PDB file of N, CA and C in Angstrom:
ATOM      1  N   UNK A   1     270.471 122.290 131.756  1.00  0.00           N
ATOM      2  CA  UNK A   1     269.258 122.257 132.364  1.00  0.00           C
ATOM      3  C   UNK A   1     269.218 122.501 133.948  1.00  0.00           C
ATOM      4  N   UNK A   2     268.465 123.520 134.312  1.00  0.00           N
ATOM      5  CA  UNK A   2     268.640 123.874 135.934  1.00  0.00           C
ATOM      6  C   UNK A   2     267.576 123.182 136.426  1.00  0.00           C
ATOM      7  N   UNK A   3     267.664 123.310 137.814  1.00  0.00           N
ATOM      8  CA  UNK A   3     266.693 122.528 138.874  1.00  0.00           C
ATOM      9  C   UNK A   3     265.557 123.561 139.075  1.00  0.00           C
ATOM     10  N   UNK A   4     264.265 123.239 139.348  1.00  0.00           N
ATOM     11  CA  UNK A   4     262.970 123.928 139.739  1.00  0.00           C
ATOM     12  C   UNK A   4     263.527 124.607 140.767  1.00  0.00           C
ATOM     13  N   UNK A   5     263.225 125.763 141.191  1.00  0.00           N
ATOM     14  CA  UNK A   5     263.560 126.774 142.106  1.00  0.00           C
ATOM     15  C   UNK A   5     262.355 127.212 143.252  1.00  0.00           C
ATOM     16  N   UNK A   6     261.092 126.562 142.700  1.00  0.00           N
ATOM     17  CA  UNK A   6     259.923 126.761 143.372  1.00  0.00           C
ATOM     18  C   UNK A   6     259.186 125.511 143.215  1.00  0.00           C
ATOM     19  N   UNK A   7     258.565 124.933 144.378  1.00  0.00           N
ATOM     20  CA  UNK A   7     257.902 123.681 144.569  1.00  0.00           C
ATOM     21  C   UNK A   7     256.653 123.935 145.337  1.00  0.00           C
ATOM     22  N   UNK A   8     255.545 123.109 144.712  1.00  0.00           N
ATOM     23  CA  UNK A   8     254.127 123.201 145.262  1.00  0.00           C
ATOM     24  C   UNK A   8     253.933 122.237 145.477  1.00  0.00           C
ATOM     25  N   UNK A   9     253.273 122.042 146.689  1.00  0.00           N
ATOM     26  CA  UNK A   9     252.609 120.739 147.226  1.00  0.00           C
ATOM     27  C   UNK A   9     251.515 121.023 148.254  1.00  0.00           C
ATOM     28  N   UNK A  10     250.316 120.671 147.988  1.00  0.00           N
ATOM     29  CA  UNK A  10     249.305 120.774 148.931  1.00  0.00           C
ATOM     30  C   UNK A  10     249.142 122.571 148.891  1.00  0.00           C
ATOM     31  N   UNK A  11     248.950 122.566 150.021  1.00  0.00           N
ATOM     32  CA  UNK A  11     248.652 124.380 150.424  1.00  0.00           C
ATOM     33  C   UNK A  11     250.337 124.936 150.372  1.00  0.00           C
ATOM     34  N   UNK A  12     251.193 124.312 150.176  1.00  0.00           N
ATOM     35  CA  UNK A  12     252.659 124.797 150.444  1.00  0.00           C
ATOM     36  C   UNK A  12     253.057 125.145 149.118  1.00  0.00           C
ATOM     37  N   UNK A  13     254.414 126.244 149.077  1.00  0.00           N
ATOM     38  CA  UNK A  13     254.836 126.440 148.405  1.00  0.00           C
ATOM     39  C   UNK A  13     256.662 126.861 149.055  1.00  0.00           C
ATOM     40  N   UNK A  14     257.396 126.091 148.242  1.00  0.00           N
ATOM     41  CA  UNK A  14     258.780 126.155 148.918  1.00  0.00           C
ATOM     42  C   UNK A  14     259.690 126.899 147.748  1.00  0.00           C
ATOM     43  N   UNK A  15     259.981 127.961 148.243  1.00  0.00           N
ATOM     44  CA  UNK A  15     260.756 128.988 147.491  1.00  0.00           C
ATOM     45  C   UNK A  15     262.392 128.627 147.745  1.00  0.00           C
ATOM     46  N   UNK A  16     263.032 128.243 147.312  1.00  0.00           N
ATOM     47  CA  UNK A  16     264.568 127.801 147.374  1.00  0.00           C
ATOM     48  C   UNK A  16     265.427 128.901 147.326  1.00  0.00           C
ATOM     49  N   UNK A  17     265.360 130.104 146.459  1.00  0.00           N
ATOM     50  CA  UNK A  17     266.090 130.906 146.654  1.00  0.00           C
ATOM     51  C   UNK A  17     266.025 131.748 147.853  1.00  0.00           C
ATOM     52  N   UNK A  18     264.701 132.073 148.044  1.00  0.00           N
ATOM     53  CA  UNK A  18     264.140 132.723 149.495  1.00  0.00           C
ATOM     54  C   UNK A  18     264.624 132.128 150.635  1.00  0.00           C
ATOM     55  N   UNK A  19     264.742 130.722 150.338  1.00  0.00           N
ATOM     56  CA  UNK A  19     264.609 129.817 151.619  1.00  0.00           C
ATOM     57  C   UNK A  19     263.483 130.152 152.589  1.00  0.00           C
ATOM     58  N   UNK A  20     262.183 130.073 151.821  1.00  0.00           N
ATOM     59  CA  UNK A  20     261.057 130.353 152.733  1.00  0.00           C
ATOM     60  C   UNK A  20     260.137 129.445 152.129  1.00  0.00           C
ATOM     61  N   UNK A  21     259.257 128.827 153.187  1.00  0.00           N
ATOM     62  CA  UNK A  21     258.254 128.028 152.979  1.00  0.00           C
ATOM     63  C   UNK A  21     256.969 128.720 153.363  1.00  0.00           C
ATOM     64  N   UNK A  22     256.148 128.661 152.338  1.00  0.00           N
ATOM     65  CA  UNK A  22     254.841 129.676 152.356  1.00  0.00           C
ATOM     66  C   UNK A  22     253.976 128.421 152.545  1.00  0.00           C
ATOM     67  N   UNK A  23     252.456 128.873 153.440  1.00  0.00           N
ATOM     68  CA  UNK A  23     251.624 128.071 153.462  1.00  0.00           C
ATOM     69  C   UNK A  23     250.169 128.808 153.152  1.00  0.00           C
ATOM     70  N   UNK A  24     249.940 128.721 151.855  1.00  0.00           N
ATOM     71  CA  UNK A  24     248.662 129.366 151.334  1.00  0.00           C
ATOM     72  C   UNK A  24     249.270 130.947 151.400  1.00  0.00           C
ATOM     73  N   UNK A  25     250.375 131.376 150.969  1.00  0.00           N
ATOM     74  CA  UNK A  25     250.852 132.610 150.953  1.00  0.00           C
ATOM     75  C   UNK A  25     251.274 133.292 152.288  1.00  0.00           C
ATOM     76  N   UNK A  26     251.153 132.346 153.530  1.00  0.00           N
ATOM     77  CA  UNK A  26     251.867 133.049 154.628  1.00  0.00           C
ATOM     78  C   UNK A  26     253.288 132.272 154.992  1.00  0.00           C
ATOM     79  N   UNK A  27     253.970 133.009 155.436  1.00  0.00           N
ATOM     80  CA  UNK A  27     255.280 132.365 155.796  1.00  0.00           C
ATOM     81  C   UNK A  27     255.099 131.306 156.977  1.00  0.00           C
ATOM     82  N   UNK A  28     255.851 130.353 157.036  1.00  0.00           N
ATOM     83  CA  UNK A  28     255.928 129.281 157.721  1.00  0.00           C
ATOM     84  C   UNK A  28     257.267 129.081 158.325  1.00  0.00           C
ATOM     85  N   UNK A  29     257.276 129.215 159.544  1.00  0.00           N
ATOM     86  CA  UNK A  29     258.752 129.372 160.176  1.00  0.00           C
ATOM     87  C   UNK A  29     259.353 128.017 160.015  1.00  0.00           C
ATOM     88  N   UNK A  30     260.584 127.745 159.555  1.00  0.00           N
ATOM     89  CA  UNK A  30     261.106 126.689 159.226  1.00  0.00           C
ATOM     90  C   UNK A  30     262.887 126.665 159.725  1.00  0.00           C
ATOM     91  N   UNK A  31     263.243 126.034 160.645  1.00  0.00           N
ATOM     92  CA  UNK A  31     264.619 125.945 160.841  1.00  0.00           C
ATOM     93  C   UNK A  31     265.383 125.486 159.794  1.00  0.00           C
ATOM     94  N   UNK A  32     266.905 125.886 159.592  1.00  0.00           N
ATOM     95  CA  UNK A  32     267.476 125.731 158.494  1.00  0.00           C
ATOM     96  C   UNK A  32     267.830 124.431 158.257  1.00  0.00           C
ATOM     97  N   UNK A  33     267.936 123.634 159.249  1.00  0.00           N
ATOM     98  CA  UNK A  33     268.098 122.230 158.970  1.00  0.00           C
ATOM     99  C   UNK A  33     266.974 121.554 158.310  1.00  0.00           C
ATOM    100  N   UNK A  34     265.764 121.985 159.190  1.00  0.00           N
ATOM    101  CA  UNK A  34     264.531 121.499 158.324  1.00  0.00           C
ATOM    102  C   UNK A  34     264.349 121.901 156.790  1.00  0.00           C
ATOM    103  N   UNK A  35     264.591 122.969 157.082  1.00  0.00           N
ATOM    104  CA  UNK A  35     264.495 123.701 155.338  1.00  0.00           C
ATOM    105  C   UNK A  35     265.129 122.902 154.236  1.00  0.00           C
ATOM    106  N   UNK A  36     266.680 122.608 154.790  1.00  0.00           N
ATOM    107  CA  UNK A  36     267.501 122.065 153.936  1.00  0.00           C
ATOM    108  C   UNK A  36     266.972 120.531 153.855  1.00  0.00           C
ATOM    109  N   UNK A  37     266.780 119.514 154.978  1.00  0.00           N
ATOM    110  CA  UNK A  37     265.889 118.410 154.876  1.00  0.00           C
ATOM    111  C   UNK A  37     264.756 118.430 153.450  1.00  0.00           C
ATOM    112  N   UNK A  38     263.746 119.276 153.880  1.00  0.00           N
ATOM    113  CA  UNK A  38     262.823 119.548 152.951  1.00  0.00           C
ATOM    114  C   UNK A  38     262.932 119.860 151.288  1.00  0.00           C
ATOM    115  N   UNK A  39     264.032 120.526 151.160  1.00  0.00           N
ATOM    116  CA  UNK A  39     264.449 121.115 150.038  1.00  0.00           C
ATOM    117  C   UNK A  39     265.021 119.743 149.218  1.00  0.00           C
ATOM    118  N   UNK A  40     265.921 119.033 150.138  1.00  0.00           N
ATOM    119  CA  UNK A  40     266.358 117.442 149.690  1.00  0.00           C
ATOM    120  C   UNK A  40     265.363 116.552 149.190  1.00  0.00           C
ATOM    121  N   UNK A  41     264.321 116.520 149.933  1.00  0.00           N
ATOM    122  CA  UNK A  41     263.272 115.471 149.669  1.00  0.00           C
ATOM    123  C   UNK A  41     262.350 115.939 148.373  1.00  0.00           C
ATOM    124  N   UNK A  42     262.160 117.207 148.347  1.00  0.00           N
ATOM    125  CA  UNK A  42     261.197 117.738 147.121  1.00  0.00           C
ATOM    126  C   UNK A  42     261.789 117.839 145.812  1.00  0.00           C
ATOM    127  N   UNK A  43     262.959 117.813 146.037  1.00  0.00           N
ATOM    128  CA  UNK A  43     263.763 117.832 144.403  1.00  0.00           C
ATOM    129  C   UNK A  43     264.308 116.270 144.023  1.00  0.00           C
ATOM    130  N   UNK A  44     263.787 115.565 144.807  1.00  0.00           N
ATOM    131  CA  UNK A  44     263.750 114.172 144.102  1.00  0.00           C
ATOM    132  C   UNK A  44     262.401 113.231 144.354  1.00  0.00           C
ATOM    133  N   UNK A  45     261.180 113.814 143.933  1.00  0.00           N
ATOM    134  CA  UNK A  45     260.084 113.327 144.165  1.00  0.00           C
ATOM    135  C   UNK A  45     260.019 111.816 143.594  1.00  0.00           C
ATOM    136  N   UNK A  46     259.273 111.040 144.339  1.00  0.00           N
ATOM    137  CA  UNK A  46     259.091 109.666 144.039  1.00  0.00           C
ATOM    138  C   UNK A  46     260.198 108.724 144.052  1.00  0.00           C
ATOM    139  N   UNK A  47     261.357 109.208 144.471  1.00  0.00           N
ATOM    140  CA  UNK A  47     262.688 108.527 144.797  1.00  0.00           C
ATOM    141  C   UNK A  47     263.074 108.013 145.994  1.00  0.00           C
ATOM    142  N   UNK A  48     263.622 106.760 146.369  1.00  0.00           N
ATOM    143  CA  UNK A  48     264.008 106.695 147.810  1.00  0.00           C
ATOM    144  C   UNK A  48     265.379 107.392 147.909  1.00  0.00           C
ATOM    145  N   UNK A  49     265.628 108.021 148.950  1.00  0.00           N
ATOM    146  CA  UNK A  49     266.888 108.646 149.061  1.00  0.00           C
ATOM    147  C   UNK A  49     267.567 108.079 150.308  1.00  0.00           C
ATOM    148  N   UNK A  50     269.052 107.551 150.001  1.00  0.00           N
ATOM    149  CA  UNK A  50     269.391 106.866 151.032  1.00  0.00           C
ATOM    150  C   UNK A  50     269.546 107.780 152.343  1.00  0.00           C
ATOM    151  N   UNK A  51     269.747 106.982 153.615  1.00  0.00           N
ATOM    152  CA  UNK A  51     269.922 107.774 154.949  1.00  0.00           C
ATOM    153  C   UNK A  51     271.355 108.527 154.502  1.00  0.00           C
ATOM    154  N   UNK A  52     272.334 108.113 154.493  1.00  0.00           N
ATOM    155  CA  UNK A  52     273.515 108.573 154.089  1.00  0.00           C
ATOM    156  C   UNK A  52     273.295 109.894 153.250  1.00  0.00           C
ATOM    157  N   UNK A  53     272.753 109.753 152.213  1.00  0.00           N
ATOM    158  CA  UNK A  53     272.541 110.978 151.260  1.00  0.00           C
ATOM    159  C   UNK A  53     271.851 112.226 151.960  1.00  0.00           C
ATOM    160  N   UNK A  54     270.778 111.840 152.851  1.00  0.00           N
ATOM    161  CA  UNK A  54     270.119 113.053 153.453  1.00  0.00           C
ATOM    162  C   UNK A  54     271.099 113.430 154.731  1.00  0.00           C
ATOM    163  N   UNK A  55     271.831 112.752 155.280  1.00  0.00           N
ATOM    164  CA  UNK A  55     273.008 113.164 156.196  1.00  0.00           C
ATOM    165  C   UNK A  55     273.657 113.960 155.737  1.00  0.00           C
ATOM    166  N   UNK A  56     274.429 113.678 154.401  1.00  0.00           N
ATOM    167  CA  UNK A  56     275.312 114.473 153.799  1.00  0.00           C
ATOM    168  C   UNK A  56     274.805 115.678 153.428  1.00  0.00           C
ATOM    169  N   UNK A  57     273.582 115.650 152.662  1.00  0.00           N
ATOM    170  CA  UNK A  57     272.785 116.955 152.201  1.00  0.00           C
ATOM    171  C   UNK A  57     272.530 117.915 153.229  1.00  0.00           C
ATOM    172  N   UNK A  58     271.928 117.484 154.420  1.00  0.00           N
ATOM    173  CA  UNK A  58     271.650 118.316 155.544  1.00  0.00           C
ATOM    174  C   UNK A  58     272.776 118.825 156.583  1.00  0.00           C
ATOM    175  N   UNK A  59     273.494 118.207 156.752  1.00  0.00           N
ATOM    176  CA  UNK A  59     274.877 118.148 157.901  1.00  0.00           C
ATOM    177  C   UNK A  59     276.133 118.360 157.072  1.00  0.00           C
ATOM    178  N   UNK A  60     276.221 117.661 156.151  1.00  0.00           N
ATOM    179  CA  UNK A  60     277.548 118.036 155.343  1.00  0.00           C
ATOM    180  C   UNK A  60     278.561 117.275 156.274  1.00  0.00           C
ATOM    181  N   UNK A  61     279.878 117.768 156.376  1.00  0.00           N
ATOM    182  CA  UNK A  61     281.114 117.016 157.077  1.00  0.00           C
ATOM    183  C   UNK A  61     280.653 117.065 158.812  1.00  0.00           C
ATOM    184  N   UNK A  62     279.555 117.106 159.280  1.00  0.00           N
ATOM    185  CA  UNK A  62     279.369 117.461 160.643  1.00  0.00           C
ATOM    186  C   UNK A  62     279.116 116.022 160.746  1.00  0.00           C
ATOM    187  N   UNK A  63     279.738 115.137 162.083  1.00  0.00           N
ATOM    188  CA  UNK A  63     279.391 114.163 162.433  1.00  0.00           C
ATOM    189  C   UNK A  63     278.209 114.152 163.445  1.00  0.00           C
ATOM    190  N   UNK A  64     276.903 113.562 162.983  1.00  0.00           N
ATOM    191  CA  UNK A  64     275.857 113.612 163.880  1.00  0.00           C
ATOM    192  C   UNK A  64     275.328 112.001 163.919  1.00  0.00           C
ATOM    193  N   UNK A  65     274.601 111.937 164.834  1.00  0.00           N
ATOM    194  CA  UNK A  65     273.930 110.736 164.946  1.00  0.00           C
ATOM    195  C   UNK A  65     272.636 110.316 164.175  1.00  0.00           C
ATOM    196  N   UNK A  66     272.224 109.162 163.662  1.00  0.00           N
ATOM    197  CA  UNK A  66     271.073 108.930 162.869  1.00  0.00           C
ATOM    198  C   UNK A  66     269.761 109.335 163.414  1.00  0.00           C
ATOM    199  N   UNK A  67     269.720 109.329 164.867  1.00  0.00           N
ATOM    200  CA  UNK A  67     268.832 110.286 165.603  1.00  0.00           C
ATOM    201  C   UNK A  67     268.432 111.433 165.008  1.00  0.00           C
ATOM    202  N   UNK A  68     269.344 112.519 164.616  1.00  0.00           N
ATOM    203  CA  UNK A  68     269.032 113.570 164.484  1.00  0.00           C
ATOM    204  C   UNK A  68     268.264 113.646 163.164  1.00  0.00           C
ATOM    205  N   UNK A  69     268.653 112.630 162.018  1.00  0.00           N
ATOM    206  CA  UNK A  69     267.671 112.713 160.917  1.00  0.00           C
ATOM    207  C   UNK A  69     266.386 112.369 161.228  1.00  0.00           C
ATOM    208  N   UNK A  70     266.182 111.176 162.154  1.00  0.00           N
ATOM    209  CA  UNK A  70     264.929 110.660 162.453  1.00  0.00           C
ATOM    210  C   UNK A  70     264.218 111.896 163.241  1.00  0.00           C
ATOM    211  N   UNK A  71     264.659 112.700 164.168  1.00  0.00           N
ATOM    212  CA  UNK A  71     263.991 114.046 164.628  1.00  0.00           C
ATOM    213  C   UNK A  71     263.505 115.085 163.821  1.00  0.00           C
ATOM    214  N   UNK A  72     264.672 114.968 162.818  1.00  0.00           N
ATOM    215  CA  UNK A  72     264.284 115.888 161.825  1.00  0.00           C
ATOM    216  C   UNK A  72     262.921 115.740 160.802  1.00  0.00           C
ATOM    217  N   UNK A  73     262.903 114.574 160.489  1.00  0.00           N
ATOM    218  CA  UNK A  73     262.073 113.842 159.645  1.00  0.00           C
ATOM    219  C   UNK A  73     260.643 114.138 160.330  1.00  0.00           C
ATOM    220  N   UNK A  74     260.677 113.744 161.813  1.00  0.00           N
ATOM    221  CA  UNK A  74     259.564 113.569 162.772  1.00  0.00           C
ATOM    222  C   UNK A  74     259.093 114.940 162.859  1.00  0.00           C
ATOM    223  N   UNK A  75     259.819 116.082 162.963  1.00  0.00           N
ATOM    224  CA  UNK A  75     259.348 117.590 163.153  1.00  0.00           C
ATOM    225  C   UNK A  75     259.120 118.258 161.906  1.00  0.00           C
ATOM    226  N   UNK A  76     259.381 117.641 160.912  1.00  0.00           N
ATOM    227  CA  UNK A  76     258.931 118.170 159.296  1.00  0.00           C
ATOM    228  C   UNK A  76     257.662 117.758 159.104  1.00  0.00           C
ATOM    229  N   UNK A  77     257.562 116.344 159.631  1.00  0.00           N
ATOM    230  CA  UNK A  77     255.909 115.634 159.297  1.00  0.00           C
ATOM    231  C   UNK A  77     254.805 116.434 160.196  1.00  0.00           C
ATOM    232  N   UNK A  78     255.288 116.796 161.630  1.00  0.00           N
ATOM    233  CA  UNK A  78     254.462 117.593 162.631  1.00  0.00           C
ATOM    234  C   UNK A  78     253.974 118.929 161.860  1.00  0.00           C
ATOM    235  N   UNK A  79     255.229 119.560 161.458  1.00  0.00           N
ATOM    236  CA  UNK A  79     255.120 121.198 160.860  1.00  0.00           C
ATOM    237  C   UNK A  79     254.219 121.184 159.914  1.00  0.00           C
ATOM    238  N   UNK A  80     254.284 120.005 158.467  1.00  0.00           N
ATOM    239  CA  UNK A  80     253.456 120.004 157.628  1.00  0.00           C
ATOM    240  C   UNK A  80     252.109 119.479 157.590  1.00  0.00           C
ATOM    241  N   UNK A  81     252.217 118.742 158.739  1.00  0.00           N
ATOM    242  CA  UNK A  81     250.490 118.394 158.895  1.00  0.00           C
ATOM    243  C   UNK A  81     249.973 119.123 159.922  1.00  0.00           C
ATOM    244  N   UNK A  82     250.245 120.054 160.512  1.00  0.00           N
ATOM    245  CA  UNK A  82     249.756 121.169 161.015  1.00  0.00           C
ATOM    246  C   UNK A  82     248.711 121.784 160.514  1.00  0.00           C
ATOM    247  N   UNK A  83     247.439 121.811 161.143  1.00  0.00           N
ATOM    248  CA  UNK A  83     246.528 122.739 160.314  1.00  0.00           C
ATOM    249  C   UNK A  83     246.645 124.234 161.178  1.00  0.00           C
ATOM    250  N   UNK A  84     246.448 125.282 160.408  1.00  0.00           N
ATOM    251  CA  UNK A  84     246.249 126.650 160.845  1.00  0.00           C
ATOM    252  C   UNK A  84     244.979 127.101 160.643  1.00  0.00           C
TER     253      UNK A  84
END
């Protein structure tokens, strides 16, 4: 069984193979780390994801501070909450 490759939520569509986020059909600029974070979150709806798992999914073996994750989540919330 393969994972979904396209996710829809609200006015958004996340196209994983194309690494693109669309809002009502229009591309939304999304830095690579935010794309990886969003992808990780949408692939596990309704589940809590451990902080360590998010850090690993987004930054891999690179050592980053917990604040990096906090800032990324905050940026993602702002971006998704923005009305155009």
